[in-house]
């Protein structure tokens, strides 16, 4: 039995009812859930699924603060790159065209999403080393018309006031942005503008 099968067959307890089930699959079946995947997410994150919280019955019951209430107010999110504060990850995501879950992941891990970094506004601002790029090796972006090179899509997007995704699409499709064309440069062969 591999580790995944062992997890699937572990007994789980519903926090609200106190009922213990042989497995998440059995709980989903008895409670009328479509499948057991949301129950596993609930156990890992302390979130609720269809109004119920779960935990593994063969482990100590988590502390009450582990379980996230059903109607917890949204956490404010700050975009490091623009300095804007949003009431929730959903609003930040809508403003930048990013999924709310991706914004929350960025705020939790410091990894950029669409060239932007986020952190939770109800906590102290993290140290600079917390924020990092998703890919360790960023390919230079070069402007065909000016010859100027930028360190990645976000740096190329800033002076044009467009999203990093727009630069990525322009490179991929060969379409211009404000009359300018962009392509991937070779690392080390072009002088990269990091001040943009």
C-alpha atoms as a PDB file:
ATOM      1  CA  UNK A   1       0.000   0.000   0.000  1.00  0.00           C
ATOM      2  CA  UNK A   2       1.564   3.301  -1.029  1.00  0.00           C
ATOM      3  CA  UNK A   3       1.387   6.485   1.048  1.00  0.00           C
ATOM      4  CA  UNK A   4      -1.532   7.884  -0.956  1.00  0.00           C
ATOM      5  CA  UNK A   5      -3.627   4.738  -0.444  1.00  0.00           C
ATOM      6  CA  UNK A   6      -2.814   4.807   3.267  1.00  0.00           C
ATOM      7  CA  UNK A   7      -4.104   8.382   3.511  1.00  0.00           C
ATOM      8  CA  UNK A   8      -7.280   7.509   1.642  1.00  0.00           C
ATOM      9  CA  UNK A   9      -8.073   4.735   4.103  1.00  0.00           C
ATOM     10  CA  UNK A  10      -7.415   6.696   7.295  1.00  0.00           C
ATOM     11  CA  UNK A  11     -10.369   7.340   9.581  1.00  0.00           C
ATOM     12  CA  UNK A  12     -11.563  10.939   9.738  1.00  0.00           C
ATOM     13  CA  UNK A  13     -13.755  12.799  12.210  1.00  0.00           C
ATOM     14  CA  UNK A  14     -16.222  15.587  11.496  1.00  0.00           C
ATOM     15  CA  UNK A  15     -15.572  18.472  13.883  1.00  0.00           C
ATOM     16  CA  UNK A  16     -19.189  19.641  13.979  1.00  0.00           C
ATOM     17  CA  UNK A  17     -20.944  16.276  14.471  1.00  0.00           C
ATOM     18  CA  UNK A  18     -18.180  14.321  16.174  1.00  0.00           C
ATOM     19  CA  UNK A  19     -18.927  11.371  13.867  1.00  0.00           C
ATOM     20  CA  UNK A  20     -15.922   9.301  12.781  1.00  0.00           C
ATOM     21  CA  UNK A  21     -15.865   7.709   9.328  1.00  0.00           C
ATOM     22  CA  UNK A  22     -13.650   4.863   8.096  1.00  0.00           C
ATOM     23  CA  UNK A  23     -12.253   7.111   5.348  1.00  0.00           C
ATOM     24  CA  UNK A  24     -12.824  10.384   3.517  1.00  0.00           C
ATOM     25  CA  UNK A  25     -14.408   8.378   0.724  1.00  0.00           C
ATOM     26  CA  UNK A  26     -16.904   6.834   3.163  1.00  0.00           C
ATOM     27  CA  UNK A  27     -17.645  10.279   4.682  1.00  0.00           C
ATOM     28  CA  UNK A  28     -18.279  11.764   1.235  1.00  0.00           C
ATOM     29  CA  UNK A  29     -20.599   8.906   0.344  1.00  0.00           C
ATOM     30  CA  UNK A  30     -22.595   9.050   3.585  1.00  0.00           C
ATOM     31  CA  UNK A  31     -22.847  12.847   3.576  1.00  0.00           C
ATOM     32  CA  UNK A  32     -23.836  13.025  -0.099  1.00  0.00           C
ATOM     33  CA  UNK A  33     -20.723  14.885  -1.321  1.00  0.00           C
ATOM     34  CA  UNK A  34     -19.793  14.521  -5.000  1.00  0.00           C
ATOM     35  CA  UNK A  35     -16.304  13.219  -4.116  1.00  0.00           C
ATOM     36  CA  UNK A  36     -13.791  13.148  -1.282  1.00  0.00           C
ATOM     37  CA  UNK A  37     -11.196  15.592  -2.682  1.00  0.00           C
ATOM     38  CA  UNK A  38     -12.636  18.596  -0.865  1.00  0.00           C
ATOM     39  CA  UNK A  39     -12.559  16.652   2.395  1.00  0.00           C
ATOM     40  CA  UNK A  40      -8.815  16.066   1.967  1.00  0.00           C
ATOM     41  CA  UNK A  41      -8.319  19.803   1.311  1.00  0.00           C
ATOM     42  CA  UNK A  42     -10.377  20.584   4.401  1.00  0.00           C
ATOM     43  CA  UNK A  43      -8.154  18.329   6.514  1.00  0.00           C
ATOM     44  CA  UNK A  44      -4.943  19.904   5.183  1.00  0.00           C
ATOM     45  CA  UNK A  45      -6.013  23.551   5.398  1.00  0.00           C
ATOM     46  CA  UNK A  46      -8.563  23.674   8.214  1.00  0.00           C
ATOM     47  CA  UNK A  47     -11.188  24.961   5.803  1.00  0.00           C
ATOM     48  CA  UNK A  48     -14.747  23.720   5.659  1.00  0.00           C
ATOM     49  CA  UNK A  49     -16.434  21.781   2.913  1.00  0.00           C
ATOM     50  CA  UNK A  50     -20.192  22.171   2.659  1.00  0.00           C
ATOM     51  CA  UNK A  51     -20.199  23.736   6.119  1.00  0.00           C
ATOM     52  CA  UNK A  52     -18.226  20.942   7.829  1.00  0.00           C
ATOM     53  CA  UNK A  53     -14.629  20.654   9.059  1.00  0.00           C
ATOM     54  CA  UNK A  54     -12.691  17.376   9.249  1.00  0.00           C
ATOM     55  CA  UNK A  55      -9.493  16.009  10.787  1.00  0.00           C
ATOM     56  CA  UNK A  56      -7.745  12.636  10.931  1.00  0.00           C
ATOM     57  CA  UNK A  57      -9.136  10.548  13.775  1.00  0.00           C
ATOM     58  CA  UNK A  58      -5.792   8.789  14.339  1.00  0.00           C
ATOM     59  CA  UNK A  59      -4.008  12.091  15.088  1.00  0.00           C
ATOM     60  CA  UNK A  60      -4.516  14.537  17.962  1.00  0.00           C
ATOM     61  CA  UNK A  61      -7.415  16.894  17.318  1.00  0.00           C
ATOM     62  CA  UNK A  62      -6.037  20.215  15.978  1.00  0.00           C
ATOM     63  CA  UNK A  63      -6.276  23.349  18.103  1.00  0.00           C
ATOM     64  CA  UNK A  64      -9.483  25.376  17.597  1.00  0.00           C
ATOM     65  CA  UNK A  65      -7.612  28.178  15.799  1.00  0.00           C
ATOM     66  CA  UNK A  66      -6.556  25.708  13.051  1.00  0.00           C
ATOM     67  CA  UNK A  67     -10.134  25.509  11.797  1.00  0.00           C
ATOM     68  CA  UNK A  68     -11.140  28.432   9.604  1.00  0.00           C
ATOM     69  CA  UNK A  69     -14.716  29.574  10.300  1.00  0.00           C
ATOM     70  CA  UNK A  70     -17.248  29.248   7.505  1.00  0.00           C
ATOM     71  CA  UNK A  71     -17.837  32.996   7.236  1.00  0.00           C
ATOM     72  CA  UNK A  72     -14.366  34.289   8.052  1.00  0.00           C
ATOM     73  CA  UNK A  73     -13.981  37.862   6.805  1.00  0.00           C
ATOM     74  CA  UNK A  74     -11.609  38.201   3.855  1.00  0.00           C
ATOM     75  CA  UNK A  75      -8.005  39.170   4.550  1.00  0.00           C
ATOM     76  CA  UNK A  76      -6.657  42.386   3.026  1.00  0.00           C
ATOM     77  CA  UNK A  77      -3.992  41.887   0.365  1.00  0.00           C
ATOM     78  CA  UNK A  78      -1.248  44.316  -0.666  1.00  0.00           C
ATOM     79  CA  UNK A  79       0.459  44.274  -4.061  1.00  0.00           C
ATOM     80  CA  UNK A  80       4.159  44.847  -3.408  1.00  0.00           C
ATOM     81  CA  UNK A  81       4.834  46.106  -6.926  1.00  0.00           C
ATOM     82  CA  UNK A  82       2.093  48.750  -7.130  1.00  0.00           C
ATOM     83  CA  UNK A  83       1.602  49.492  -3.414  1.00  0.00           C
ATOM     84  CA  UNK A  84      -2.169  49.059  -3.789  1.00  0.00           C
ATOM     85  CA  UNK A  85      -4.170  47.534  -0.933  1.00  0.00           C
ATOM     86  CA  UNK A  86      -7.260  45.442  -1.631  1.00  0.00           C
ATOM     87  CA  UNK A  87      -9.970  44.241   0.754  1.00  0.00           C
ATOM     88  CA  UNK A  88      -9.541  40.646  -0.402  1.00  0.00           C
ATOM     89  CA  UNK A  89      -7.604  38.316  -2.683  1.00  0.00           C
ATOM     90  CA  UNK A  90     -10.678  38.227  -4.898  1.00  0.00           C
ATOM     91  CA  UNK A  91     -10.593  42.000  -5.442  1.00  0.00           C
ATOM     92  CA  UNK A  92      -6.830  41.982  -6.051  1.00  0.00           C
ATOM     93  CA  UNK A  93      -7.235  39.152  -8.524  1.00  0.00           C
ATOM     94  CA  UNK A  94     -10.022  40.940 -10.350  1.00  0.00           C
ATOM     95  CA  UNK A  95      -7.921  44.122 -10.612  1.00  0.00           C
ATOM     96  CA  UNK A  96      -4.975  42.287 -12.173  1.00  0.00           C
ATOM     97  CA  UNK A  97      -6.730  39.438 -13.997  1.00  0.00           C
ATOM     98  CA  UNK A  98      -5.354  36.762 -11.653  1.00  0.00           C
ATOM     99  CA  UNK A  99      -7.308  33.999  -9.904  1.00  0.00           C
ATOM    100  CA  UNK A 100      -8.005  34.739  -6.218  1.00  0.00           C
ATOM    101  CA  UNK A 101      -6.368  31.437  -5.242  1.00  0.00           C
ATOM    102  CA  UNK A 102      -3.177  32.450  -7.061  1.00  0.00           C
ATOM    103  CA  UNK A 103      -3.141  35.784  -5.198  1.00  0.00           C
ATOM    104  CA  UNK A 104      -3.544  33.969  -1.865  1.00  0.00           C
ATOM    105  CA  UNK A 105      -0.755  31.544  -2.777  1.00  0.00           C
ATOM    106  CA  UNK A 106       1.533  34.434  -3.692  1.00  0.00           C
ATOM    107  CA  UNK A 107       0.731  36.205  -0.407  1.00  0.00           C
ATOM    108  CA  UNK A 108       1.484  33.002   1.523  1.00  0.00           C
ATOM    109  CA  UNK A 109       4.645  31.939  -0.316  1.00  0.00           C
ATOM    110  CA  UNK A 110       6.109  35.157  -1.747  1.00  0.00           C
ATOM    111  CA  UNK A 111       6.211  33.686  -5.259  1.00  0.00           C
ATOM    112  CA  UNK A 112       5.140  36.105  -8.009  1.00  0.00           C
ATOM    113  CA  UNK A 113       2.000  35.685 -10.071  1.00  0.00           C
ATOM    114  CA  UNK A 114       1.824  37.367 -13.476  1.00  0.00           C
ATOM    115  CA  UNK A 115       4.897  39.362 -12.495  1.00  0.00           C
ATOM    116  CA  UNK A 116       3.325  40.708  -9.291  1.00  0.00           C
ATOM    117  CA  UNK A 117       4.043  39.919  -5.643  1.00  0.00           C
ATOM    118  CA  UNK A 118       1.465  40.018  -2.838  1.00  0.00           C
ATOM    119  CA  UNK A 119       1.364  39.826   0.938  1.00  0.00           C
ATOM    120  CA  UNK A 120      -1.399  39.888   3.526  1.00  0.00           C
ATOM    121  CA  UNK A 121      -2.159  43.389   4.787  1.00  0.00           C
ATOM    122  CA  UNK A 122      -3.140  42.180   8.269  1.00  0.00           C
ATOM    123  CA  UNK A 123       0.428  40.988   8.923  1.00  0.00           C
ATOM    124  CA  UNK A 124       3.731  42.910   8.971  1.00  0.00           C
ATOM    125  CA  UNK A 125       5.265  43.376   5.525  1.00  0.00           C
ATOM    126  CA  UNK A 126       7.652  40.447   4.887  1.00  0.00           C
ATOM    127  CA  UNK A 127      11.397  40.932   4.437  1.00  0.00           C
ATOM    128  CA  UNK A 128      12.620  41.472   0.826  1.00  0.00           C
ATOM    129  CA  UNK A 129      14.023  37.935   0.609  1.00  0.00           C
ATOM    130  CA  UNK A 130      10.476  36.523   1.081  1.00  0.00           C
ATOM    131  CA  UNK A 131       9.507  37.733  -2.388  1.00  0.00           C
ATOM    132  CA  UNK A 132      10.836  35.731  -5.315  1.00  0.00           C
ATOM    133  CA  UNK A 133      10.210  34.913  -8.955  1.00  0.00           C
ATOM    134  CA  UNK A 134       8.434  31.726  -9.958  1.00  0.00           C
ATOM    135  CA  UNK A 135      11.302  30.721 -12.254  1.00  0.00           C
ATOM    136  CA  UNK A 136      14.829  31.080 -10.964  1.00  0.00           C
ATOM    137  CA  UNK A 137      16.243  31.838 -14.434  1.00  0.00           C
ATOM    138  CA  UNK A 138      14.500  34.805 -16.003  1.00  0.00           C
ATOM    139  CA  UNK A 139      15.033  35.192 -19.727  1.00  0.00           C
ATOM    140  CA  UNK A 140      15.839  38.700 -20.931  1.00  0.00           C
ATOM    141  CA  UNK A 141      13.192  40.444 -23.031  1.00  0.00           C
ATOM    142  CA  UNK A 142      14.570  42.596 -25.835  1.00  0.00           C
ATOM    143  CA  UNK A 143      12.770  45.367 -27.701  1.00  0.00           C
ATOM    144  CA  UNK A 144      13.382  44.950 -31.432  1.00  0.00           C
ATOM    145  CA  UNK A 145      13.039  48.639 -32.264  1.00  0.00           C
ATOM    146  CA  UNK A 146      15.144  50.144 -29.445  1.00  0.00           C
ATOM    147  CA  UNK A 147      17.481  47.247 -28.640  1.00  0.00           C
ATOM    148  CA  UNK A 148      16.751  47.776 -24.943  1.00  0.00           C
ATOM    149  CA  UNK A 149      16.765  44.594 -22.863  1.00  0.00           C
ATOM    150  CA  UNK A 150      14.766  43.948 -19.705  1.00  0.00           C
ATOM    151  CA  UNK A 151      15.106  41.328 -17.014  1.00  0.00           C
ATOM    152  CA  UNK A 152      11.896  39.397 -17.599  1.00  0.00           C
ATOM    153  CA  UNK A 153       8.328  40.246 -18.568  1.00  0.00           C
ATOM    154  CA  UNK A 154       7.498  42.409 -15.501  1.00  0.00           C
ATOM    155  CA  UNK A 155      10.430  44.770 -16.146  1.00  0.00           C
ATOM    156  CA  UNK A 156       9.497  45.102 -19.823  1.00  0.00           C
ATOM    157  CA  UNK A 157       5.836  45.703 -18.968  1.00  0.00           C
ATOM    158  CA  UNK A 158       6.356  48.509 -16.409  1.00  0.00           C
ATOM    159  CA  UNK A 159       7.375  51.372 -18.735  1.00  0.00           C
ATOM    160  CA  UNK A 160       4.513  50.519 -21.107  1.00  0.00           C
ATOM    161  CA  UNK A 161       1.936  50.243 -18.297  1.00  0.00           C
ATOM    162  CA  UNK A 162       0.770  46.827 -19.497  1.00  0.00           C
ATOM    163  CA  UNK A 163       0.626  43.466 -17.756  1.00  0.00           C
ATOM    164  CA  UNK A 164       3.549  41.018 -17.879  1.00  0.00           C
ATOM    165  CA  UNK A 165       1.122  38.616 -19.575  1.00  0.00           C
ATOM    166  CA  UNK A 166       0.752  41.132 -22.440  1.00  0.00           C
ATOM    167  CA  UNK A 167       4.530  41.105 -22.949  1.00  0.00           C
ATOM    168  CA  UNK A 168       4.547  37.310 -22.865  1.00  0.00           C
ATOM    169  CA  UNK A 169       1.838  37.193 -25.530  1.00  0.00           C
ATOM    170  CA  UNK A 170       3.636  39.787 -27.660  1.00  0.00           C
ATOM    171  CA  UNK A 171       6.808  37.682 -27.557  1.00  0.00           C
ATOM    172  CA  UNK A 172       4.894  34.493 -28.327  1.00  0.00           C
ATOM    173  CA  UNK A 173       2.732  35.898 -31.147  1.00  0.00           C
ATOM    174  CA  UNK A 174       5.054  38.568 -32.546  1.00  0.00           C
ATOM    175  CA  UNK A 175       2.358  41.234 -32.089  1.00  0.00           C
ATOM    176  CA  UNK A 176       3.419  44.793 -31.259  1.00  0.00           C
ATOM    177  CA  UNK A 177       2.610  46.753 -28.110  1.00  0.00           C
ATOM    178  CA  UNK A 178       2.497  50.512 -28.714  1.00  0.00           C
ATOM    179  CA  UNK A 179       4.323  49.869 -31.989  1.00  0.00           C
ATOM    180  CA  UNK A 180       7.136  47.930 -30.285  1.00  0.00           C
ATOM    181  CA  UNK A 181       8.031  44.270 -30.831  1.00  0.00           C
ATOM    182  CA  UNK A 182       9.699  42.068 -28.223  1.00  0.00           C
ATOM    183  CA  UNK A 183      11.621  38.808 -28.280  1.00  0.00           C
ATOM    184  CA  UNK A 184      13.575  36.611 -25.875  1.00  0.00           C
ATOM    185  CA  UNK A 185      17.235  37.491 -25.587  1.00  0.00           C
ATOM    186  CA  UNK A 186      20.000  35.107 -24.575  1.00  0.00           C
ATOM    187  CA  UNK A 187      21.149  35.382 -20.949  1.00  0.00           C
ATOM    188  CA  UNK A 188      24.519  37.073 -20.679  1.00  0.00           C
ATOM    189  CA  UNK A 189      24.612  38.268 -24.303  1.00  0.00           C
ATOM    190  CA  UNK A 190      22.681  41.508 -23.821  1.00  0.00           C
ATOM    191  CA  UNK A 191      22.982  44.322 -21.356  1.00  0.00           C
ATOM    192  CA  UNK A 192      19.848  44.059 -19.255  1.00  0.00           C
ATOM    193  CA  UNK A 193      17.956  47.101 -17.991  1.00  0.00           C
ATOM    194  CA  UNK A 194      17.017  46.315 -14.376  1.00  0.00           C
ATOM    195  CA  UNK A 195      16.052  49.859 -13.434  1.00  0.00           C
ATOM    196  CA  UNK A 196      12.846  50.028 -15.475  1.00  0.00           C
END
